[in-house]
């Protein structure tokens, strides 16, 4: 089963190869239609049958509600009555003033898991070149869900042009990310104010990227880096507690990417540097990591274990230049 139900994009086909292509600078209304986001999340009480038969046997359970799609009537989830819904159109409308007057440009938007998750991604207009013409562009991702596992998240993100690797701009002070839990009302303008929609997060990210690109890494440190990052937990036992195991297959695959097989691995910014270490992990997560399908990989790379792996690589790399 595909996770990506519908999607639209501008420019080159995305790395996962999915979606409807649009010409540049389409209005929000066109994005809503082509990205499959022109529907609403509706709510109704949870009801149950007591088994007596007849209409009198149907009773309501007021503490929870069912969320369903307005177009297909398909169910999405059962949530607490304190759950605040964010509509697909709200995600696109978040970008309206940013695209009209702020220099942003929507690049992808779509629906995952039959409507349970949806997102939009816009190019901010910010970019930088690391040494050797290694170009990195800035983006702003807004994603949410109909389940409690993913808060509504506005996240500055970068895309390395040579390989289409995505990396969240996560700074130590969380300046590049705002999360709004579903027990709170989503206020787009408040989120924008909190993000700053400013250059501060991007400037801080550039400073760190350049430091990583200047940081040469010795061969013995390379293997140690990958073994720290590419681990997975084992089931805990009464004797040893929670332990982790090195994913040796992943270590070998990522080491090969770092050593020259990766896209852009031979660029001056990446060859033998901490920036190269980070990008070998991000390329592995975005393009090579085992997944049931390309859209399962997308979901993991942005929201799941893949995103966590990329963050771990970034954090570990920054330790090398600390």
C-alpha atoms as a PDB file:
ATOM      1  CA  UNK A   1       0.000   0.000   0.000  1.00  0.00           C
ATOM      2  CA  UNK A   2       1.276   3.461  -0.871  1.00  0.00           C
ATOM      3  CA  UNK A   3       1.517   5.946   1.979  1.00  0.00           C
ATOM      4  CA  UNK A   4       1.465   8.941  -0.354  1.00  0.00           C
ATOM      5  CA  UNK A   5      -2.124   9.120  -1.522  1.00  0.00           C
ATOM      6  CA  UNK A   6      -1.894  12.402  -3.432  1.00  0.00           C
ATOM      7  CA  UNK A   7       0.809  14.993  -3.930  1.00  0.00           C
ATOM      8  CA  UNK A   8       1.716  17.987  -6.109  1.00  0.00           C
ATOM      9  CA  UNK A   9       5.107  19.519  -6.815  1.00  0.00           C
ATOM     10  CA  UNK A  10       6.837  22.293  -8.747  1.00  0.00           C
ATOM     11  CA  UNK A  11      10.116  21.876 -10.634  1.00  0.00           C
ATOM     12  CA  UNK A  12      12.037  18.640 -10.836  1.00  0.00           C
ATOM     13  CA  UNK A  13      10.409  15.338  -9.928  1.00  0.00           C
ATOM     14  CA  UNK A  14      10.960  14.793  -6.176  1.00  0.00           C
ATOM     15  CA  UNK A  15      13.476  12.161  -5.124  1.00  0.00           C
ATOM     16  CA  UNK A  16      10.670   9.726  -4.296  1.00  0.00           C
ATOM     17  CA  UNK A  17       9.281  10.099  -7.845  1.00  0.00           C
ATOM     18  CA  UNK A  18       5.671  10.728  -6.823  1.00  0.00           C
ATOM     19  CA  UNK A  19       3.087  13.423  -7.495  1.00  0.00           C
ATOM     20  CA  UNK A  20       1.385  15.768  -9.995  1.00  0.00           C
ATOM     21  CA  UNK A  21       3.649  18.401 -11.543  1.00  0.00           C
ATOM     22  CA  UNK A  22       2.525  22.056 -11.458  1.00  0.00           C
ATOM     23  CA  UNK A  23       3.923  25.151 -13.112  1.00  0.00           C
ATOM     24  CA  UNK A  24       5.490  27.713 -10.774  1.00  0.00           C
ATOM     25  CA  UNK A  25       3.561  30.113  -8.528  1.00  0.00           C
ATOM     26  CA  UNK A  26       0.141  28.513  -8.691  1.00  0.00           C
ATOM     27  CA  UNK A  27      -2.532  29.907  -6.329  1.00  0.00           C
ATOM     28  CA  UNK A  28      -3.367  28.090  -3.089  1.00  0.00           C
ATOM     29  CA  UNK A  29      -6.657  26.895  -4.611  1.00  0.00           C
ATOM     30  CA  UNK A  30      -4.816  25.003  -7.374  1.00  0.00           C
ATOM     31  CA  UNK A  31      -2.424  23.484  -4.838  1.00  0.00           C
ATOM     32  CA  UNK A  32      -5.365  22.285  -2.745  1.00  0.00           C
ATOM     33  CA  UNK A  33      -6.934  20.532  -5.742  1.00  0.00           C
ATOM     34  CA  UNK A  34      -3.787  19.016  -7.255  1.00  0.00           C
ATOM     35  CA  UNK A  35      -2.244  17.964  -3.939  1.00  0.00           C
ATOM     36  CA  UNK A  36      -5.465  16.193  -2.942  1.00  0.00           C
ATOM     37  CA  UNK A  37      -6.065  18.571  -0.042  1.00  0.00           C
ATOM     38  CA  UNK A  38      -9.449  20.025  -1.112  1.00  0.00           C
ATOM     39  CA  UNK A  39     -11.420  18.258   1.614  1.00  0.00           C
ATOM     40  CA  UNK A  40     -12.196  18.790   5.279  1.00  0.00           C
ATOM     41  CA  UNK A  41     -11.856  16.705   8.400  1.00  0.00           C
ATOM     42  CA  UNK A  42     -15.326  16.234   9.878  1.00  0.00           C
ATOM     43  CA  UNK A  43     -16.152  15.017  13.367  1.00  0.00           C
ATOM     44  CA  UNK A  44     -18.914  12.923  14.884  1.00  0.00           C
ATOM     45  CA  UNK A  45     -19.558  11.339  18.262  1.00  0.00           C
ATOM     46  CA  UNK A  46     -18.331   7.837  18.959  1.00  0.00           C
ATOM     47  CA  UNK A  47     -21.393   5.600  19.131  1.00  0.00           C
ATOM     48  CA  UNK A  48     -21.856   2.042  20.245  1.00  0.00           C
ATOM     49  CA  UNK A  49     -24.609  -0.561  20.148  1.00  0.00           C
ATOM     50  CA  UNK A  50     -25.765  -2.122  23.385  1.00  0.00           C
ATOM     51  CA  UNK A  51     -27.029  -5.229  21.633  1.00  0.00           C
ATOM     52  CA  UNK A  52     -30.717  -4.636  22.418  1.00  0.00           C
ATOM     53  CA  UNK A  53     -31.532  -4.082  18.756  1.00  0.00           C
ATOM     54  CA  UNK A  54     -33.318  -1.120  17.206  1.00  0.00           C
ATOM     55  CA  UNK A  55     -32.395   2.564  17.253  1.00  0.00           C
ATOM     56  CA  UNK A  56     -32.654   2.744  21.051  1.00  0.00           C
ATOM     57  CA  UNK A  57     -29.601   0.491  21.322  1.00  0.00           C
ATOM     58  CA  UNK A  58     -27.290   3.107  19.706  1.00  0.00           C
ATOM     59  CA  UNK A  59     -25.683   5.273  22.359  1.00  0.00           C
ATOM     60  CA  UNK A  60     -23.102   8.072  22.262  1.00  0.00           C
ATOM     61  CA  UNK A  61     -19.745   8.116  24.060  1.00  0.00           C
ATOM     62  CA  UNK A  62     -19.111  11.861  24.567  1.00  0.00           C
ATOM     63  CA  UNK A  63     -15.472  11.606  25.687  1.00  0.00           C
ATOM     64  CA  UNK A  64     -14.209  10.711  22.207  1.00  0.00           C
ATOM     65  CA  UNK A  65     -14.994  11.565  18.599  1.00  0.00           C
ATOM     66  CA  UNK A  66     -14.431  10.033  15.174  1.00  0.00           C
ATOM     67  CA  UNK A  67     -12.601  12.051  12.528  1.00  0.00           C
ATOM     68  CA  UNK A  68     -13.513  11.323   8.916  1.00  0.00           C
ATOM     69  CA  UNK A  69     -12.990  12.793   5.441  1.00  0.00           C
ATOM     70  CA  UNK A  70     -15.703  15.045   4.028  1.00  0.00           C
ATOM     71  CA  UNK A  71     -15.192  13.763   0.470  1.00  0.00           C
ATOM     72  CA  UNK A  72     -15.003   9.979   0.843  1.00  0.00           C
ATOM     73  CA  UNK A  73     -16.492   9.683   4.360  1.00  0.00           C
ATOM     74  CA  UNK A  74     -13.554   7.369   5.106  1.00  0.00           C
ATOM     75  CA  UNK A  75     -12.614   7.199   8.812  1.00  0.00           C
ATOM     76  CA  UNK A  76      -9.303   8.726   9.876  1.00  0.00           C
ATOM     77  CA  UNK A  77      -9.025   8.206  13.625  1.00  0.00           C
ATOM     78  CA  UNK A  78     -10.719   8.176  17.001  1.00  0.00           C
ATOM     79  CA  UNK A  79      -9.495  10.980  19.265  1.00  0.00           C
ATOM     80  CA  UNK A  80     -10.283  12.675  22.551  1.00  0.00           C
ATOM     81  CA  UNK A  81     -12.924  15.407  22.497  1.00  0.00           C
ATOM     82  CA  UNK A  82     -10.091  17.761  23.516  1.00  0.00           C
ATOM     83  CA  UNK A  83      -8.317  17.109  20.186  1.00  0.00           C
ATOM     84  CA  UNK A  84      -8.059  20.243  18.018  1.00  0.00           C
ATOM     85  CA  UNK A  85      -8.259  19.507  14.302  1.00  0.00           C
ATOM     86  CA  UNK A  86      -5.974  21.235  11.791  1.00  0.00           C
ATOM     87  CA  UNK A  87      -7.534  21.148   8.330  1.00  0.00           C
ATOM     88  CA  UNK A  88      -5.601  20.341   5.111  1.00  0.00           C
ATOM     89  CA  UNK A  89      -6.509  23.798   3.834  1.00  0.00           C
ATOM     90  CA  UNK A  90      -5.033  25.351   7.017  1.00  0.00           C
ATOM     91  CA  UNK A  91      -1.652  23.892   6.118  1.00  0.00           C
ATOM     92  CA  UNK A  92      -1.722  25.517   2.672  1.00  0.00           C
ATOM     93  CA  UNK A  93      -3.177  28.811   3.943  1.00  0.00           C
ATOM     94  CA  UNK A  94      -0.217  29.056   6.333  1.00  0.00           C
ATOM     95  CA  UNK A  95       1.902  29.926   3.296  1.00  0.00           C
ATOM     96  CA  UNK A  96      -0.459  32.408   1.606  1.00  0.00           C
ATOM     97  CA  UNK A  97       1.103  35.624   2.900  1.00  0.00           C
ATOM     98  CA  UNK A  98       4.581  34.089   2.746  1.00  0.00           C
ATOM     99  CA  UNK A  99       4.203  33.300  -0.962  1.00  0.00           C
ATOM    100  CA  UNK A 100       2.281  36.497  -1.809  1.00  0.00           C
ATOM    101  CA  UNK A 101       4.665  38.931  -0.152  1.00  0.00           C
ATOM    102  CA  UNK A 102       7.431  37.048   1.648  1.00  0.00           C
ATOM    103  CA  UNK A 103       9.354  35.592  -1.270  1.00  0.00           C
ATOM    104  CA  UNK A 104       8.488  31.975  -0.417  1.00  0.00           C
ATOM    105  CA  UNK A 105       7.487  29.483  -3.114  1.00  0.00           C
ATOM    106  CA  UNK A 106       5.501  26.296  -2.520  1.00  0.00           C
ATOM    107  CA  UNK A 107       7.381  23.308  -3.888  1.00  0.00           C
ATOM    108  CA  UNK A 108       5.563  20.193  -2.641  1.00  0.00           C
ATOM    109  CA  UNK A 109       2.361  19.429  -0.749  1.00  0.00           C
ATOM    110  CA  UNK A 110       0.411  16.269  -0.234  1.00  0.00           C
ATOM    111  CA  UNK A 111      -1.415  13.667   1.791  1.00  0.00           C
ATOM    112  CA  UNK A 112       0.062  10.613   3.504  1.00  0.00           C
ATOM    113  CA  UNK A 113      -1.695   7.559   4.897  1.00  0.00           C
ATOM    114  CA  UNK A 114      -5.104   8.248   3.299  1.00  0.00           C
ATOM    115  CA  UNK A 115      -5.360  11.641   4.969  1.00  0.00           C
ATOM    116  CA  UNK A 116      -3.961  10.877   8.400  1.00  0.00           C
ATOM    117  CA  UNK A 117      -0.902  13.070   7.707  1.00  0.00           C
ATOM    118  CA  UNK A 118      -0.495  15.995   5.325  1.00  0.00           C
ATOM    119  CA  UNK A 119       2.163  18.586   4.651  1.00  0.00           C
ATOM    120  CA  UNK A 120       3.406  21.450   2.511  1.00  0.00           C
ATOM    121  CA  UNK A 121       7.014  22.450   1.830  1.00  0.00           C
ATOM    122  CA  UNK A 122       8.069  25.879   0.556  1.00  0.00           C
ATOM    123  CA  UNK A 123      11.398  27.219  -0.608  1.00  0.00           C
ATOM    124  CA  UNK A 124      12.308  30.223   1.554  1.00  0.00           C
ATOM    125  CA  UNK A 125      14.570  31.889  -1.002  1.00  0.00           C
ATOM    126  CA  UNK A 126      17.546  31.461   1.307  1.00  0.00           C
ATOM    127  CA  UNK A 127      20.547  29.483   0.104  1.00  0.00           C
ATOM    128  CA  UNK A 128      24.275  29.206   0.560  1.00  0.00           C
ATOM    129  CA  UNK A 129      27.245  27.695  -1.239  1.00  0.00           C
ATOM    130  CA  UNK A 130      29.804  25.726   0.740  1.00  0.00           C
ATOM    131  CA  UNK A 131      33.298  25.382  -0.673  1.00  0.00           C
ATOM    132  CA  UNK A 132      33.438  23.613  -4.025  1.00  0.00           C
ATOM    133  CA  UNK A 133      30.021  24.994  -5.084  1.00  0.00           C
ATOM    134  CA  UNK A 134      28.096  22.693  -2.741  1.00  0.00           C
ATOM    135  CA  UNK A 135      24.698  24.440  -2.746  1.00  0.00           C
ATOM    136  CA  UNK A 136      22.188  24.125   0.097  1.00  0.00           C
ATOM    137  CA  UNK A 137      18.713  25.701  -0.118  1.00  0.00           C
ATOM    138  CA  UNK A 138      16.438  26.652   2.751  1.00  0.00           C
ATOM    139  CA  UNK A 139      12.841  25.416   3.094  1.00  0.00           C
ATOM    140  CA  UNK A 140       9.980  25.633   5.565  1.00  0.00           C
ATOM    141  CA  UNK A 141       7.986  22.443   6.187  1.00  0.00           C
ATOM    142  CA  UNK A 142       4.553  22.470   7.839  1.00  0.00           C
ATOM    143  CA  UNK A 143       3.093  19.065   8.657  1.00  0.00           C
ATOM    144  CA  UNK A 144       0.299  17.750  10.834  1.00  0.00           C
ATOM    145  CA  UNK A 145      -1.811  14.669  11.431  1.00  0.00           C
ATOM    146  CA  UNK A 146      -5.188  13.376  12.515  1.00  0.00           C
ATOM    147  CA  UNK A 147      -3.595  11.297  15.262  1.00  0.00           C
ATOM    148  CA  UNK A 148      -1.762  12.272  18.401  1.00  0.00           C
ATOM    149  CA  UNK A 149       1.582  10.874  17.266  1.00  0.00           C
ATOM    150  CA  UNK A 150       2.516  13.944  15.184  1.00  0.00           C
ATOM    151  CA  UNK A 151       2.002  17.443  16.556  1.00  0.00           C
ATOM    152  CA  UNK A 152       1.477  20.233  14.049  1.00  0.00           C
ATOM    153  CA  UNK A 153       5.108  21.003  13.254  1.00  0.00           C
ATOM    154  CA  UNK A 154       6.628  23.999  11.485  1.00  0.00           C
ATOM    155  CA  UNK A 155      10.258  23.155  10.755  1.00  0.00           C
ATOM    156  CA  UNK A 156      12.992  24.914   8.851  1.00  0.00           C
ATOM    157  CA  UNK A 157      14.595  22.325   6.572  1.00  0.00           C
ATOM    158  CA  UNK A 158      17.517  22.309   4.172  1.00  0.00           C
ATOM    159  CA  UNK A 159      17.970  20.455   0.893  1.00  0.00           C
ATOM    160  CA  UNK A 160      21.451  19.791  -0.473  1.00  0.00           C
ATOM    161  CA  UNK A 161      21.028  20.299  -4.206  1.00  0.00           C
ATOM    162  CA  UNK A 162      23.602  17.797  -5.478  1.00  0.00           C
ATOM    163  CA  UNK A 163      21.836  14.831  -3.881  1.00  0.00           C
ATOM    164  CA  UNK A 164      18.393  16.118  -2.757  1.00  0.00           C
ATOM    165  CA  UNK A 165      19.203  15.145   0.842  1.00  0.00           C
ATOM    166  CA  UNK A 166      16.895  16.727   3.400  1.00  0.00           C
ATOM    167  CA  UNK A 167      18.118  17.803   6.829  1.00  0.00           C
ATOM    168  CA  UNK A 168      16.105  19.576   9.501  1.00  0.00           C
ATOM    169  CA  UNK A 169      17.601  22.868  10.623  1.00  0.00           C
ATOM    170  CA  UNK A 170      17.582  21.923  14.277  1.00  0.00           C
ATOM    171  CA  UNK A 171      19.646  24.230  16.433  1.00  0.00           C
ATOM    172  CA  UNK A 172      20.563  23.671  20.051  1.00  0.00           C
ATOM    173  CA  UNK A 173      17.996  26.279  21.135  1.00  0.00           C
ATOM    174  CA  UNK A 174      15.264  24.791  18.881  1.00  0.00           C
ATOM    175  CA  UNK A 175      15.080  28.105  17.016  1.00  0.00           C
ATOM    176  CA  UNK A 176      14.202  26.364  13.760  1.00  0.00           C
ATOM    177  CA  UNK A 177      11.159  24.393  14.919  1.00  0.00           C
ATOM    178  CA  UNK A 178       7.760  25.058  16.503  1.00  0.00           C
ATOM    179  CA  UNK A 179       5.434  22.230  17.569  1.00  0.00           C
ATOM    180  CA  UNK A 180       1.795  22.717  18.527  1.00  0.00           C
ATOM    181  CA  UNK A 181       0.168  19.748  20.238  1.00  0.00           C
ATOM    182  CA  UNK A 182      -3.378  18.828  19.251  1.00  0.00           C
ATOM    183  CA  UNK A 183      -4.714  19.828  22.652  1.00  0.00           C
ATOM    184  CA  UNK A 184      -3.919  23.420  21.702  1.00  0.00           C
ATOM    185  CA  UNK A 185      -5.517  25.544  19.004  1.00  0.00           C
ATOM    186  CA  UNK A 186      -3.214  26.019  16.003  1.00  0.00           C
ATOM    187  CA  UNK A 187      -2.590  29.736  15.456  1.00  0.00           C
ATOM    188  CA  UNK A 188      -0.682  30.259  12.212  1.00  0.00           C
ATOM    189  CA  UNK A 189       0.351  33.846  12.904  1.00  0.00           C
ATOM    190  CA  UNK A 190       1.586  32.981  16.399  1.00  0.00           C
ATOM    191  CA  UNK A 191       3.665  30.116  14.962  1.00  0.00           C
ATOM    192  CA  UNK A 192       5.182  32.461  12.384  1.00  0.00           C
ATOM    193  CA  UNK A 193       6.049  34.972  15.081  1.00  0.00           C
ATOM    194  CA  UNK A 194       7.624  32.234  17.179  1.00  0.00           C
ATOM    195  CA  UNK A 195       9.640  30.943  14.221  1.00  0.00           C
ATOM    196  CA  UNK A 196      10.627  34.482  13.407  1.00  0.00           C
ATOM    197  CA  UNK A 197      10.292  33.642   9.697  1.00  0.00           C
ATOM    198  CA  UNK A 198      13.621  35.395   9.810  1.00  0.00           C
ATOM    199  CA  UNK A 199      17.205  34.756   8.869  1.00  0.00           C
ATOM    200  CA  UNK A 200      18.416  33.967  12.386  1.00  0.00           C
ATOM    201  CA  UNK A 201      17.790  30.205  12.224  1.00  0.00           C
ATOM    202  CA  UNK A 202      19.188  29.958   8.699  1.00  0.00           C
ATOM    203  CA  UNK A 203      22.253  32.047   9.589  1.00  0.00           C
ATOM    204  CA  UNK A 204      22.991  29.817  12.554  1.00  0.00           C
ATOM    205  CA  UNK A 205      22.616  26.744  10.356  1.00  0.00           C
ATOM    206  CA  UNK A 206      25.007  28.152   7.739  1.00  0.00           C
ATOM    207  CA  UNK A 207      27.616  28.811  10.430  1.00  0.00           C
ATOM    208  CA  UNK A 208      27.396  25.198  11.576  1.00  0.00           C
ATOM    209  CA  UNK A 209      27.433  23.776   8.025  1.00  0.00           C
ATOM    210  CA  UNK A 210      30.575  25.752   7.172  1.00  0.00           C
ATOM    211  CA  UNK A 211      32.257  24.586  10.374  1.00  0.00           C
ATOM    212  CA  UNK A 212      31.465  20.958   9.470  1.00  0.00           C
ATOM    213  CA  UNK A 213      32.792  21.478   5.922  1.00  0.00           C
ATOM    214  CA  UNK A 214      36.074  22.814   7.335  1.00  0.00           C
ATOM    215  CA  UNK A 215      36.442  20.005   9.887  1.00  0.00           C
ATOM    216  CA  UNK A 216      38.732  17.249   8.587  1.00  0.00           C
ATOM    217  CA  UNK A 217      38.079  13.798  10.054  1.00  0.00           C
ATOM    218  CA  UNK A 218      40.716  11.096  10.542  1.00  0.00           C
ATOM    219  CA  UNK A 219      40.014   7.623   9.185  1.00  0.00           C
ATOM    220  CA  UNK A 220      39.709   5.970  12.595  1.00  0.00           C
ATOM    221  CA  UNK A 221      37.209   8.627  13.691  1.00  0.00           C
ATOM    222  CA  UNK A 222      35.008   7.939  10.649  1.00  0.00           C
ATOM    223  CA  UNK A 223      34.246   4.357  11.641  1.00  0.00           C
ATOM    224  CA  UNK A 224      33.670   5.375  15.258  1.00  0.00           C
ATOM    225  CA  UNK A 225      31.253   8.115  14.152  1.00  0.00           C
ATOM    226  CA  UNK A 226      29.098   5.747  12.101  1.00  0.00           C
ATOM    227  CA  UNK A 227      29.048   3.159  14.894  1.00  0.00           C
ATOM    228  CA  UNK A 228      27.776   5.798  17.332  1.00  0.00           C
ATOM    229  CA  UNK A 229      25.032   6.924  14.956  1.00  0.00           C
ATOM    230  CA  UNK A 230      23.865   3.703  13.336  1.00  0.00           C
ATOM    231  CA  UNK A 231      22.584   1.705  16.264  1.00  0.00           C
ATOM    232  CA  UNK A 232      19.254   0.225  17.217  1.00  0.00           C
ATOM    233  CA  UNK A 233      17.871  -0.757  20.629  1.00  0.00           C
ATOM    234  CA  UNK A 234      17.437  -4.367  21.649  1.00  0.00           C
ATOM    235  CA  UNK A 235      14.665  -5.655  23.837  1.00  0.00           C
ATOM    236  CA  UNK A 236      15.462  -5.021  27.460  1.00  0.00           C
ATOM    237  CA  UNK A 237      16.059  -7.947  29.791  1.00  0.00           C
ATOM    238  CA  UNK A 238      16.012  -8.093  33.599  1.00  0.00           C
ATOM    239  CA  UNK A 239      19.798  -8.483  33.646  1.00  0.00           C
ATOM    240  CA  UNK A 240      21.192  -6.034  31.106  1.00  0.00           C
ATOM    241  CA  UNK A 241      18.504  -3.341  30.842  1.00  0.00           C
ATOM    242  CA  UNK A 242      18.174  -1.381  27.575  1.00  0.00           C
ATOM    243  CA  UNK A 243      21.130  -1.946  25.249  1.00  0.00           C
ATOM    244  CA  UNK A 244      21.949  -0.910  21.707  1.00  0.00           C
ATOM    245  CA  UNK A 245      23.428  -2.894  18.839  1.00  0.00           C
ATOM    246  CA  UNK A 246      25.498  -1.462  15.997  1.00  0.00           C
ATOM    247  CA  UNK A 247      23.809  -1.881  12.615  1.00  0.00           C
ATOM    248  CA  UNK A 248      26.884  -3.243  10.829  1.00  0.00           C
ATOM    249  CA  UNK A 249      25.165  -3.469   7.425  1.00  0.00           C
ATOM    250  CA  UNK A 250      24.148   0.177   7.603  1.00  0.00           C
ATOM    251  CA  UNK A 251      27.638   1.176   8.777  1.00  0.00           C
ATOM    252  CA  UNK A 252      29.180  -0.463   5.701  1.00  0.00           C
ATOM    253  CA  UNK A 253      26.631   1.118   3.330  1.00  0.00           C
ATOM    254  CA  UNK A 254      27.117   4.585   4.772  1.00  0.00           C
ATOM    255  CA  UNK A 255      30.895   4.221   4.852  1.00  0.00           C
ATOM    256  CA  UNK A 256      30.824   3.391   1.125  1.00  0.00           C
ATOM    257  CA  UNK A 257      28.749   6.521   0.458  1.00  0.00           C
ATOM    258  CA  UNK A 258      31.198   8.617   2.465  1.00  0.00           C
ATOM    259  CA  UNK A 259      34.202   7.074   0.715  1.00  0.00           C
ATOM    260  CA  UNK A 260      33.071   8.152  -2.749  1.00  0.00           C
ATOM    261  CA  UNK A 261      29.892   6.361  -3.797  1.00  0.00           C
ATOM    262  CA  UNK A 262      27.610   9.075  -2.411  1.00  0.00           C
ATOM    263  CA  UNK A 263      26.366  11.974  -4.513  1.00  0.00           C
ATOM    264  CA  UNK A 264      28.651  14.926  -3.926  1.00  0.00           C
ATOM    265  CA  UNK A 265      30.987  12.827  -1.749  1.00  0.00           C
ATOM    266  CA  UNK A 266      34.005  14.028  -3.752  1.00  0.00           C
ATOM    267  CA  UNK A 267      33.177  17.739  -3.384  1.00  0.00           C
ATOM    268  CA  UNK A 268      35.659  19.837  -1.426  1.00  0.00           C
ATOM    269  CA  UNK A 269      33.074  20.508   1.265  1.00  0.00           C
ATOM    270  CA  UNK A 270      32.370  16.795   1.864  1.00  0.00           C
ATOM    271  CA  UNK A 271      35.503  14.806   1.049  1.00  0.00           C
ATOM    272  CA  UNK A 272      37.111  13.753   4.325  1.00  0.00           C
ATOM    273  CA  UNK A 273      35.031  16.190   6.392  1.00  0.00           C
ATOM    274  CA  UNK A 274      32.367  16.152   9.089  1.00  0.00           C
ATOM    275  CA  UNK A 275      29.912  17.596   6.535  1.00  0.00           C
ATOM    276  CA  UNK A 276      30.603  14.523   4.404  1.00  0.00           C
ATOM    277  CA  UNK A 277      29.797  12.300   7.385  1.00  0.00           C
ATOM    278  CA  UNK A 278      26.408  13.994   7.859  1.00  0.00           C
ATOM    279  CA  UNK A 279      25.515  13.792   4.184  1.00  0.00           C
ATOM    280  CA  UNK A 280      26.427  10.134   3.878  1.00  0.00           C
ATOM    281  CA  UNK A 281      23.889   9.430   6.623  1.00  0.00           C
ATOM    282  CA  UNK A 282      21.219  11.699   5.109  1.00  0.00           C
ATOM    283  CA  UNK A 283      21.683  10.137   1.665  1.00  0.00           C
ATOM    284  CA  UNK A 284      21.402   6.668   3.185  1.00  0.00           C
ATOM    285  CA  UNK A 285      18.189   7.610   5.020  1.00  0.00           C
ATOM    286  CA  UNK A 286      16.575   9.463   2.102  1.00  0.00           C
ATOM    287  CA  UNK A 287      17.569   7.144  -0.750  1.00  0.00           C
ATOM    288  CA  UNK A 288      18.963   3.767   0.335  1.00  0.00           C
ATOM    289  CA  UNK A 289      17.614   2.698   3.721  1.00  0.00           C
ATOM    290  CA  UNK A 290      15.392  -0.367   3.601  1.00  0.00           C
ATOM    291  CA  UNK A 291      11.725   0.512   3.285  1.00  0.00           C
ATOM    292  CA  UNK A 292       8.567  -1.158   2.041  1.00  0.00           C
ATOM    293  CA  UNK A 293       8.196   1.554  -0.613  1.00  0.00           C
ATOM    294  CA  UNK A 294       9.560   4.986  -1.532  1.00  0.00           C
ATOM    295  CA  UNK A 295       6.717   6.701   0.276  1.00  0.00           C
ATOM    296  CA  UNK A 296       7.295   4.680   3.449  1.00  0.00           C
ATOM    297  CA  UNK A 297      10.878   5.945   3.193  1.00  0.00           C
ATOM    298  CA  UNK A 298       9.641   9.538   2.790  1.00  0.00           C
ATOM    299  CA  UNK A 299       7.436   9.223   5.871  1.00  0.00           C
ATOM    300  CA  UNK A 300      10.347   7.881   7.932  1.00  0.00           C
ATOM    301  CA  UNK A 301      12.843  10.412   6.543  1.00  0.00           C
ATOM    302  CA  UNK A 302      10.659  13.386   7.511  1.00  0.00           C
ATOM    303  CA  UNK A 303       8.701  12.215  10.531  1.00  0.00           C
ATOM    304  CA  UNK A 304      10.014   8.896  11.829  1.00  0.00           C
ATOM    305  CA  UNK A 305      13.128   6.877  12.546  1.00  0.00           C
ATOM    306  CA  UNK A 306      14.939   8.271   9.512  1.00  0.00           C
ATOM    307  CA  UNK A 307      14.500  11.835  10.735  1.00  0.00           C
ATOM    308  CA  UNK A 308      15.817  10.783  14.148  1.00  0.00           C
ATOM    309  CA  UNK A 309      18.876   9.165  12.539  1.00  0.00           C
ATOM    310  CA  UNK A 310      19.668  12.343  10.596  1.00  0.00           C
ATOM    311  CA  UNK A 311      19.317  14.421  13.741  1.00  0.00           C
ATOM    312  CA  UNK A 312      21.635  12.043  15.598  1.00  0.00           C
ATOM    313  CA  UNK A 313      24.254  12.341  12.824  1.00  0.00           C
ATOM    314  CA  UNK A 314      24.012  16.137  12.930  1.00  0.00           C
ATOM    315  CA  UNK A 315      24.410  16.230  16.709  1.00  0.00           C
ATOM    316  CA  UNK A 316      27.351  13.824  16.659  1.00  0.00           C
ATOM    317  CA  UNK A 317      29.060  15.785  13.865  1.00  0.00           C
ATOM    318  CA  UNK A 318      28.753  19.032  15.814  1.00  0.00           C
ATOM    319  CA  UNK A 319      30.591  17.319  18.669  1.00  0.00           C
ATOM    320  CA  UNK A 320      33.572  16.914  16.322  1.00  0.00           C
ATOM    321  CA  UNK A 321      33.861  20.698  15.902  1.00  0.00           C
ATOM    322  CA  UNK A 322      32.958  21.652  19.467  1.00  0.00           C
END
